C-alpha cells in the first residue's frame, strides 16, 4: 500500500474530511510531487512534537466524580462562579467569563489533547506510511479509551457539573465535540500494524456503548434538544459515530433533520444567529455554531444530502450566515454585538475556505484577502479538504 502509488479504490473511511483530498496528498507525498508542500511540512513538524507528547488519562485528575469512580469523565461548568460577597448563595452564572477553578479538577482539556494528537499522528501515518506515527496514536487511544487501568467510562454523566448544586449537565457534551476528529483518525489508522484488530474491536465496543448513552440517556437527549450551538455540535458527534458504527439510516435521518431542527430555527433571512447573538461572546458562538453546520453539510454531502443549498421558509441558510459574518474578517473591531474576549478568527478562515467551492458566485473569496497568506498556504485544511 505504501509504495509510490495509491490505489484510488481504497478510500480512507473518514466522514468530516475528504477522502479524495487525503489520497491526493498521499500520492503527492509519495511521488515527491507536492501540491501542498507547506501544509505537509507543517503537519510533519507537528507530528514530530506529538511523538514526544505525554499520553494523558482520566486517572490524572486530582479527584473523582460524584460516583467515586475515577474512570468517570469529570468537568466543571466554566461560567459559574462563587460570589465572594455572598458565598452562601452558591455558584452563579456569568456568561462567557471563564472561572479558572473549572480547570483544576477536570478531564476536559486532556480529552481535547488526545483528540488533537491522535488526529495529527493518524494523518502523518496515512500520508507517509511510517508506523512510528500510528504506534504513538495507538498509545494515546489505548491509554484514554481501552486499557482497563486507565480507560474512561463511556459516558459524560458528570460533565460540566456545578459543585454543591448539580453533578452533571447536558452542556458537558460540548467539551468532547472533538470526538468527530478522533473518529476520522480511526479510519486513517485501519491499515496500520500497530492498530490491531483487538484495538479496533475494543474501540468499536467503547464507541458503541458511548453512542447508546449519547442517544438514550437523559443527559445526551438533553443536549440534543438544545436549540443553539450545543444542539448543532451534538448532531456532528452523533452522526459521525453513527456512520462509523454502520448506522447509516440513523445518520441520514439526523442529517435531514438539520434543515428544520437547526437551520430553520437558528438562522434568520439576514443570516443572523439570534441564539448566539444573545451571548456575551456573540461572535465566538456565531462562528462556533456555523462551523458545526459546515461540518454537518460536509458530512451530509457524502451521504447524498445537500445542506449547503437548503434555505428555510424564512430565508435562512448556511450561505446567508456566512455572508453575514464574512465582512468582519476585514473589520474585526466593529462587531456590533457583545464580545467580551478575543476571537479566534481562524474559525472564520476555516468556514470561508471550506464553503467557497459550494458558492462560486458568492464573492466570499474577497474576505480571504484579509487573512495572512502564509496562514492559508500552510494550513492543514489544504490536505483535509482541497
Protein backbone atom coordinates (compact mmCIF):
# COMPACT_ATOMS: atom_id res chain seq x y z
CA UNK A 1 0.00 0.00 0.00
CA UNK A 2 2.85 2.40 0.73
CA UNK A 3 4.86 2.19 -2.47
CA UNK A 4 4.97 5.00 -4.97
CA UNK A 5 1.32 4.64 -5.89
CA UNK A 6 -2.05 4.81 -4.21
CA UNK A 7 -4.97 2.54 -5.00
CA UNK A 8 -7.75 5.03 -5.68
CA UNK A 9 -10.34 2.37 -4.85
CA UNK A 10 -9.05 2.17 -1.26
CA UNK A 11 -10.62 5.35 0.03
CA UNK A 12 -9.95 6.02 3.72
CA UNK A 13 -13.03 5.64 5.89
CA UNK A 14 -13.47 9.23 7.00
CA UNK A 15 -16.58 11.39 7.29
CA UNK A 16 -15.80 15.03 8.04
CA UNK A 17 -12.67 15.25 5.91
CA UNK A 18 -12.36 14.49 2.21
CA UNK A 19 -11.07 11.02 1.23
CA UNK A 20 -10.16 12.34 -2.22
CA UNK A 21 -8.07 15.19 -0.81
CA UNK A 22 -6.26 12.84 1.55
CA UNK A 23 -5.48 10.40 -1.23
CA UNK A 24 -4.16 13.17 -3.47
CA UNK A 25 -1.96 14.48 -0.65
CA UNK A 26 -0.65 10.97 -0.02
CA UNK A 27 0.09 10.38 -3.70
CA UNK A 28 1.88 13.73 -3.95
CA UNK A 29 3.96 12.96 -0.88
CA UNK A 30 4.98 9.50 -2.08
CA UNK A 31 5.91 10.75 -5.56
CA UNK A 32 7.52 13.97 -4.26
CA UNK A 33 5.07 15.91 -6.40
CA UNK A 34 3.86 18.24 -3.69
CA UNK A 35 0.64 20.12 -4.24
CA UNK A 36 0.52 21.44 -0.70
CA UNK A 37 4.16 21.19 0.35
CA UNK A 38 3.96 23.85 3.04
CA UNK A 39 0.94 22.19 4.65
CA UNK A 40 2.64 18.79 4.64
CA UNK A 41 5.83 20.20 6.11
CA UNK A 42 3.88 21.78 8.96
CA UNK A 43 1.92 18.55 9.53
CA UNK A 44 5.11 16.53 9.97
CA UNK A 45 6.60 19.23 12.17
CA UNK A 46 3.53 18.98 14.41
CA UNK A 47 3.68 15.18 14.30
CA UNK A 48 7.31 15.23 15.47
CA UNK A 49 6.17 17.10 18.57
CA UNK A 50 3.27 14.68 19.06
CA UNK A 51 5.66 11.72 19.03
CA UNK A 52 7.23 13.05 22.23
CA UNK A 53 3.99 14.09 23.92
CA UNK A 54 2.68 12.71 27.19
CA UNK A 55 -0.33 10.37 26.88
CA UNK A 56 -2.89 11.53 29.47
CA UNK A 57 -5.72 9.58 31.08
CA UNK A 58 -8.79 10.26 33.22
CA UNK A 59 -6.84 8.89 36.18
CA UNK A 60 -4.66 12.02 36.32
CA UNK A 61 -7.28 14.40 37.71
CA UNK A 62 -6.97 15.32 41.37
CA UNK A 63 -10.33 13.98 42.49
CA UNK A 64 -13.22 11.84 41.26
CA UNK A 65 -16.75 12.41 40.08
CA UNK A 66 -19.67 12.09 42.50
CA UNK A 67 -19.76 8.40 41.62
CA UNK A 68 -16.42 7.96 43.37
CA UNK A 69 -15.13 6.25 40.23
CA UNK A 70 -12.08 7.98 38.80
CA UNK A 71 -12.75 6.37 35.41
CA UNK A 72 -15.81 8.62 35.04
CA UNK A 73 -15.16 11.74 32.99
CA UNK A 74 -15.41 14.89 35.09
CA UNK A 75 -15.60 18.59 34.25
CA UNK A 76 -16.93 21.73 35.91
CA UNK A 77 -19.21 24.35 34.33
CA UNK A 78 -16.76 27.07 33.25
CA UNK A 79 -19.11 30.06 33.52
CA UNK A 80 -20.23 29.51 37.13
CA UNK A 81 -18.62 31.42 40.00
CA UNK A 82 -18.92 31.81 43.76
CA UNK A 83 -19.78 35.38 44.71
CA UNK A 84 -17.26 36.18 47.48
CA UNK A 85 -19.74 38.64 49.00
CA UNK A 86 -22.49 36.02 49.17
CA UNK A 87 -20.81 32.58 49.23
CA UNK A 88 -23.87 31.08 50.87
CA UNK A 89 -25.79 31.59 47.60
CA UNK A 90 -23.62 29.02 45.83
CA UNK A 91 -22.44 29.29 42.26
CA UNK A 92 -23.98 31.87 39.91
CA UNK A 93 -23.67 32.10 36.13
CA UNK A 94 -21.51 34.75 34.48
CA UNK A 95 -21.93 34.04 30.79
CA UNK A 96 -18.67 33.95 28.88
CA UNK A 97 -16.46 34.53 31.93
CA UNK A 98 -14.20 31.51 32.48
CA UNK A 99 -13.71 30.52 36.10
CA UNK A 100 -10.11 29.24 36.46
CA UNK A 101 -11.35 26.91 39.19
CA UNK A 102 -13.08 24.85 36.50
CA UNK A 103 -9.77 23.62 35.05
CA UNK A 104 -8.29 22.34 38.32
CA UNK A 105 -10.08 19.00 38.57
CA UNK A 106 -11.26 18.30 35.04
CA UNK A 107 -10.76 15.85 32.18
CA UNK A 108 -11.92 18.30 29.51
CA UNK A 109 -8.53 19.66 28.43
CA UNK A 110 -6.92 16.22 28.35
CA UNK A 111 -9.74 14.83 26.21
CA UNK A 112 -9.12 17.60 23.66
CA UNK A 113 -5.39 16.92 23.76
CA UNK A 114 -5.97 13.23 22.99
CA UNK A 115 -8.22 14.04 20.02
CA UNK A 116 -5.79 16.61 18.60
CA UNK A 117 -2.73 14.39 18.99
CA UNK A 118 -4.43 11.33 17.53
CA UNK A 119 -5.64 13.33 14.52
CA UNK A 120 -2.15 14.73 13.85
CA UNK A 121 -0.43 11.36 14.22
CA UNK A 122 -3.03 9.47 12.17
CA UNK A 123 -2.72 11.99 9.33
CA UNK A 124 1.06 11.75 9.40
CA UNK A 125 0.82 7.96 9.32
CA UNK A 126 -1.70 7.87 6.47
CA UNK A 127 0.30 10.30 4.32
CA UNK A 128 3.74 8.78 4.96
CA UNK A 129 3.04 5.14 5.85
CA UNK A 130 5.53 5.44 8.72
CA UNK A 131 4.45 3.15 11.58
CA UNK A 132 6.03 5.31 14.25
CA UNK A 133 3.13 7.77 13.94
CA UNK A 134 0.49 5.03 14.13
CA UNK A 135 2.25 3.48 17.11
CA UNK A 136 2.08 6.73 19.07
CA UNK A 137 -1.53 7.38 18.03
CA UNK A 138 -2.38 3.88 19.23
CA UNK A 139 -0.73 4.63 22.56
CA UNK A 140 -2.96 7.68 23.06
CA UNK A 141 -6.08 5.70 22.18
CA UNK A 142 -5.24 2.73 24.36
CA UNK A 143 -4.48 4.84 27.41
CA UNK A 144 -7.61 7.00 27.18
CA UNK A 145 -10.18 4.51 25.88
CA UNK A 146 -9.01 0.91 26.07
CA UNK A 147 -6.65 -0.06 28.88
CA UNK A 148 -8.69 -1.22 31.91
CA UNK A 149 -6.39 0.58 34.34
CA UNK A 150 -6.71 3.99 32.68
CA UNK A 151 -9.76 3.99 30.37
CA UNK A 152 -12.57 6.50 30.52
CA UNK A 153 -16.04 5.08 31.12
CA UNK A 154 -18.24 5.64 28.03
CA UNK A 155 -20.48 8.38 29.43
CA UNK A 156 -20.47 12.05 30.37
CA UNK A 157 -22.78 11.86 33.36
CA UNK A 158 -20.52 14.23 35.29
CA UNK A 159 -19.69 16.78 32.59
CA UNK A 160 -19.98 20.49 33.43
CA UNK A 161 -21.27 19.93 36.93
CA UNK A 162 -21.74 22.77 39.39
CA UNK A 163 -20.18 21.97 42.79
CA UNK A 164 -22.75 21.55 45.52
CA UNK A 165 -25.62 22.08 43.08
CA UNK A 166 -25.67 19.53 40.25
CA UNK A 167 -23.41 16.56 39.49
CA UNK A 168 -23.53 16.92 35.71
CA UNK A 169 -25.34 18.78 32.92
CA UNK A 170 -26.08 18.06 29.25
CA UNK A 171 -23.88 21.03 28.33
CA UNK A 172 -20.85 18.95 29.26
CA UNK A 173 -21.08 17.16 25.90
CA UNK A 174 -19.73 20.18 24.05
CA UNK A 175 -16.31 19.62 25.61
CA UNK A 176 -15.92 16.34 23.71
CA UNK A 177 -17.09 17.60 20.30
CA UNK A 178 -13.59 16.79 19.03
CA UNK A 179 -14.56 13.11 19.13
CA UNK A 180 -15.62 13.68 15.49
CA UNK A 181 -11.94 14.21 14.57
CA UNK A 182 -10.96 11.13 16.54
CA UNK A 183 -13.45 9.02 14.58
CA UNK A 184 -11.89 10.16 11.29
CA UNK A 185 -8.45 9.37 12.71
CA UNK A 186 -9.56 5.79 13.36
CA UNK A 187 -10.30 5.43 9.65
CA UNK A 188 -6.78 6.59 8.81
CA UNK A 189 -5.23 4.02 11.15
CA UNK A 190 -7.09 0.99 9.78
CA UNK A 191 -4.17 -0.35 7.72
CA UNK A 192 -1.62 0.06 10.50
CA UNK A 193 0.13 -2.93 12.08
CA UNK A 194 0.23 -1.01 15.35
CA UNK A 195 -3.55 -0.55 15.47
CA UNK A 196 -4.50 -4.20 15.91
CA UNK A 197 -7.81 -5.98 15.38
CA UNK A 198 -8.12 -6.17 19.15
CA UNK A 199 -7.71 -2.39 19.33
CA UNK A 200 -10.28 -1.84 16.59
CA UNK A 201 -12.81 -4.14 18.23
CA UNK A 202 -12.24 -2.57 21.63
CA UNK A 203 -12.66 0.93 20.24
CA UNK A 204 -15.81 -0.04 18.40
CA UNK A 205 -17.24 -1.50 21.61
CA UNK A 206 -16.38 1.68 23.53
CA UNK A 207 -17.88 3.95 20.89
CA UNK A 208 -20.96 1.75 20.61
CA UNK A 209 -21.54 1.96 24.37
CA UNK A 210 -20.98 5.72 24.28
CA UNK A 211 -23.35 6.10 21.30
CA UNK A 212 -26.07 4.26 23.22
CA UNK A 213 -25.54 6.61 26.17
CA UNK A 214 -25.49 9.64 23.84
CA UNK A 215 -28.77 8.77 22.13
CA UNK A 216 -30.79 7.34 25.03
CA UNK A 217 -29.66 8.93 28.31
CA UNK A 218 -31.37 11.92 29.88
CA UNK A 219 -28.09 13.83 29.65
CA UNK A 220 -27.50 13.04 25.98
CA UNK A 221 -31.06 13.74 24.91
CA UNK A 222 -30.97 16.97 26.90
CA UNK A 223 -28.12 18.21 24.73
CA UNK A 224 -29.88 17.07 21.56
CA UNK A 225 -32.83 19.32 22.50
CA UNK A 226 -30.61 22.40 22.78
CA UNK A 227 -31.53 24.92 20.09
CA UNK A 228 -28.17 26.69 19.86
CA UNK A 229 -24.58 25.59 19.15
CA UNK A 230 -24.85 22.84 21.78
CA UNK A 231 -27.51 21.09 19.71
CA UNK A 232 -25.52 21.54 16.49
CA UNK A 233 -22.39 20.01 17.97
CA UNK A 234 -24.43 17.18 19.44
CA UNK A 235 -25.54 16.41 15.88
CA UNK A 236 -21.99 16.38 14.48
CA UNK A 237 -20.90 13.96 17.17
CA UNK A 238 -23.94 11.68 16.86
CA UNK A 239 -23.82 11.48 13.05
CA UNK A 240 -20.08 10.74 12.88
CA UNK A 241 -20.43 7.97 15.45
CA UNK A 242 -23.48 6.55 13.67
CA UNK A 243 -21.63 6.36 10.38
CA UNK A 244 -18.58 4.77 11.99
CA UNK A 245 -20.78 2.17 13.67
CA UNK A 246 -22.65 1.37 10.44
CA UNK A 247 -25.92 3.03 11.48
CA UNK A 248 -26.43 4.79 8.16
CA UNK A 249 -30.22 5.16 8.45
CA UNK A 250 -29.84 6.93 11.80
CA UNK A 251 -27.17 9.20 10.32
CA UNK A 252 -29.21 10.14 7.24
CA UNK A 253 -32.34 10.83 9.27
CA UNK A 254 -30.36 13.05 11.63
CA UNK A 255 -28.74 14.92 8.73
CA UNK A 256 -32.12 15.57 7.12
CA UNK A 257 -33.42 16.88 10.45
CA UNK A 258 -30.69 19.56 10.44
CA UNK A 259 -32.72 21.51 7.88
CA UNK A 260 -35.69 22.04 10.19
CA UNK A 261 -34.25 21.44 13.66
CA UNK A 262 -31.17 23.63 13.19
CA UNK A 263 -31.13 25.88 10.12
CA UNK A 264 -34.83 26.87 10.28
CA UNK A 265 -34.52 27.74 13.96
CA UNK A 266 -31.01 29.19 14.12
CA UNK A 267 -30.58 31.43 11.06
CA UNK A 268 -32.71 34.42 10.01
CA UNK A 269 -33.18 35.65 6.43
CA UNK A 270 -30.44 38.19 7.17
CA UNK A 271 -28.01 35.45 8.16
CA UNK A 272 -28.07 36.35 11.85
CA UNK A 273 -27.98 33.65 14.51
CA UNK A 274 -30.11 35.21 17.28
CA UNK A 275 -29.47 32.49 19.85
CA UNK A 276 -25.73 33.13 19.56
CA UNK A 277 -26.02 36.92 19.29
CA UNK A 278 -27.69 36.97 22.69
CA UNK A 279 -24.48 35.70 24.33
CA UNK A 280 -21.67 37.77 25.83
CA UNK A 281 -19.31 36.06 23.34
CA UNK A 282 -21.66 36.52 20.41
CA UNK A 283 -19.12 36.44 17.58
CA UNK A 284 -17.32 33.45 19.07
CA UNK A 285 -20.54 31.45 19.34
CA UNK A 286 -21.87 32.57 15.95
CA UNK A 287 -18.68 31.24 14.39
CA UNK A 288 -18.71 28.08 16.50
CA UNK A 289 -22.28 27.19 15.57
CA UNK A 290 -21.72 27.98 11.90
CA UNK A 291 -18.59 25.83 11.82
CA UNK A 292 -20.69 22.98 13.23
CA UNK A 293 -23.23 23.47 10.43
CA UNK A 294 -20.41 23.46 7.86
CA UNK A 295 -19.18 20.17 9.35
CA UNK A 296 -22.69 18.73 9.06
CA UNK A 297 -23.02 19.96 5.47
CA UNK A 298 -19.68 18.33 4.62
CA UNK A 299 -20.71 15.00 6.15
CA UNK A 300 -24.18 15.20 4.58
CA UNK A 301 -22.80 15.82 1.09
CA UNK A 302 -21.11 12.40 1.10
CA UNK A 303 -24.46 10.88 2.10
CA UNK A 304 -26.30 12.49 -0.83
CA UNK A 305 -27.96 15.18 1.29
CA UNK A 306 -27.49 18.85 0.36
CA UNK A 307 -27.41 21.14 3.39
CA UNK A 308 -25.18 23.66 1.63
CA UNK A 309 -28.04 24.98 -0.51
CA UNK A 310 -31.02 24.42 1.78
CA UNK A 311 -32.99 27.60 2.51
CA UNK A 312 -35.59 27.78 5.25
CA UNK A 313 -39.11 29.10 4.63
CA UNK A 314 -37.95 32.30 6.35
CA UNK A 315 -34.97 32.61 4.00
CA UNK A 316 -32.23 31.47 6.36
CA UNK A 317 -29.36 29.33 5.09
CA UNK A 318 -25.75 28.42 5.71
CA UNK A 319 -24.73 30.79 2.93
CA UNK A 320 -26.67 33.68 4.46
CA UNK A 321 -24.97 33.06 7.81
CA UNK A 322 -21.54 33.06 6.15
CA UNK A 323 -22.32 36.26 4.25
CA UNK A 324 -23.39 37.92 7.48
CA UNK A 325 -20.12 37.06 9.23
CA UNK A 326 -17.66 37.36 6.32
CA UNK A 327 -17.32 41.19 6.43
CA UNK A 328 -15.86 41.02 9.92
CA UNK A 329 -12.74 39.34 8.56
CA UNK A 330 -11.97 42.84 7.27
CA UNK A 331 -13.43 44.93 10.08
CA UNK A 332 -12.84 42.79 13.14
CA UNK A 333 -13.07 45.64 15.61
CA UNK A 334 -16.55 46.81 14.64
CA UNK A 335 -18.59 43.77 15.52
CA UNK A 336 -21.85 45.43 16.66
CA UNK A 337 -22.76 42.86 19.31
CA UNK A 338 -21.29 41.95 22.67
CA UNK A 339 -17.96 40.09 22.57
CA UNK A 340 -16.10 40.20 25.87
CA UNK A 341 -12.90 38.40 24.84
CA UNK A 342 -10.59 37.86 21.88
CA UNK A 343 -11.99 35.82 18.99
CA UNK A 344 -10.17 33.04 17.13
CA UNK A 345 -10.63 34.22 13.54
CA UNK A 346 -9.07 31.02 12.25
CA UNK A 347 -12.57 29.57 12.67
CA UNK A 348 -13.86 32.11 10.15
CA UNK A 349 -10.99 31.24 7.80
CA UNK A 350 -11.96 27.56 8.11
CA UNK A 351 -15.58 28.36 7.28
CA UNK A 352 -14.68 30.54 4.29
CA UNK A 353 -12.17 28.15 2.75
CA UNK A 354 -14.39 25.10 3.05
CA UNK A 355 -17.50 26.91 1.82
CA UNK A 356 -16.07 28.64 -1.24
CA UNK A 357 -16.28 25.61 -3.58
CA UNK A 358 -20.01 25.37 -2.87
CA UNK A 359 -20.76 29.03 -3.51
CA UNK A 360 -18.68 30.02 -6.57
CA UNK A 361 -20.64 33.21 -7.28
CA UNK A 362 -20.95 34.48 -3.74
CA UNK A 363 -17.81 36.71 -3.70
CA UNK A 364 -16.76 35.16 -0.39
CA UNK A 365 -13.18 34.97 -1.68
CA UNK A 366 -12.90 38.71 -1.05
CA UNK A 367 -12.93 38.04 2.68
CA UNK A 368 -9.93 35.71 2.35
CA UNK A 369 -7.73 38.64 1.28
CA UNK A 370 -7.87 39.86 4.88
CA UNK A 371 -6.02 36.82 6.21
CA UNK A 372 -2.28 36.24 6.23
CA UNK A 373 -1.40 34.35 3.00
CA UNK A 374 1.06 32.19 4.95
CA UNK A 375 -1.76 31.01 7.20
CA UNK A 376 -3.69 29.92 4.13
CA UNK A 377 -0.70 28.25 2.45
CA UNK A 378 0.43 26.21 5.44
CA UNK A 379 -2.95 25.30 6.88
CA UNK A 380 -3.81 21.63 7.35
CA UNK A 381 -7.18 22.24 5.68
CA UNK A 382 -5.37 22.11 2.33
CA UNK A 383 -4.71 18.40 2.96
CA UNK A 384 -8.08 17.66 4.51
CA UNK A 385 -10.50 19.32 2.12
CA UNK A 386 -8.94 20.59 -1.12
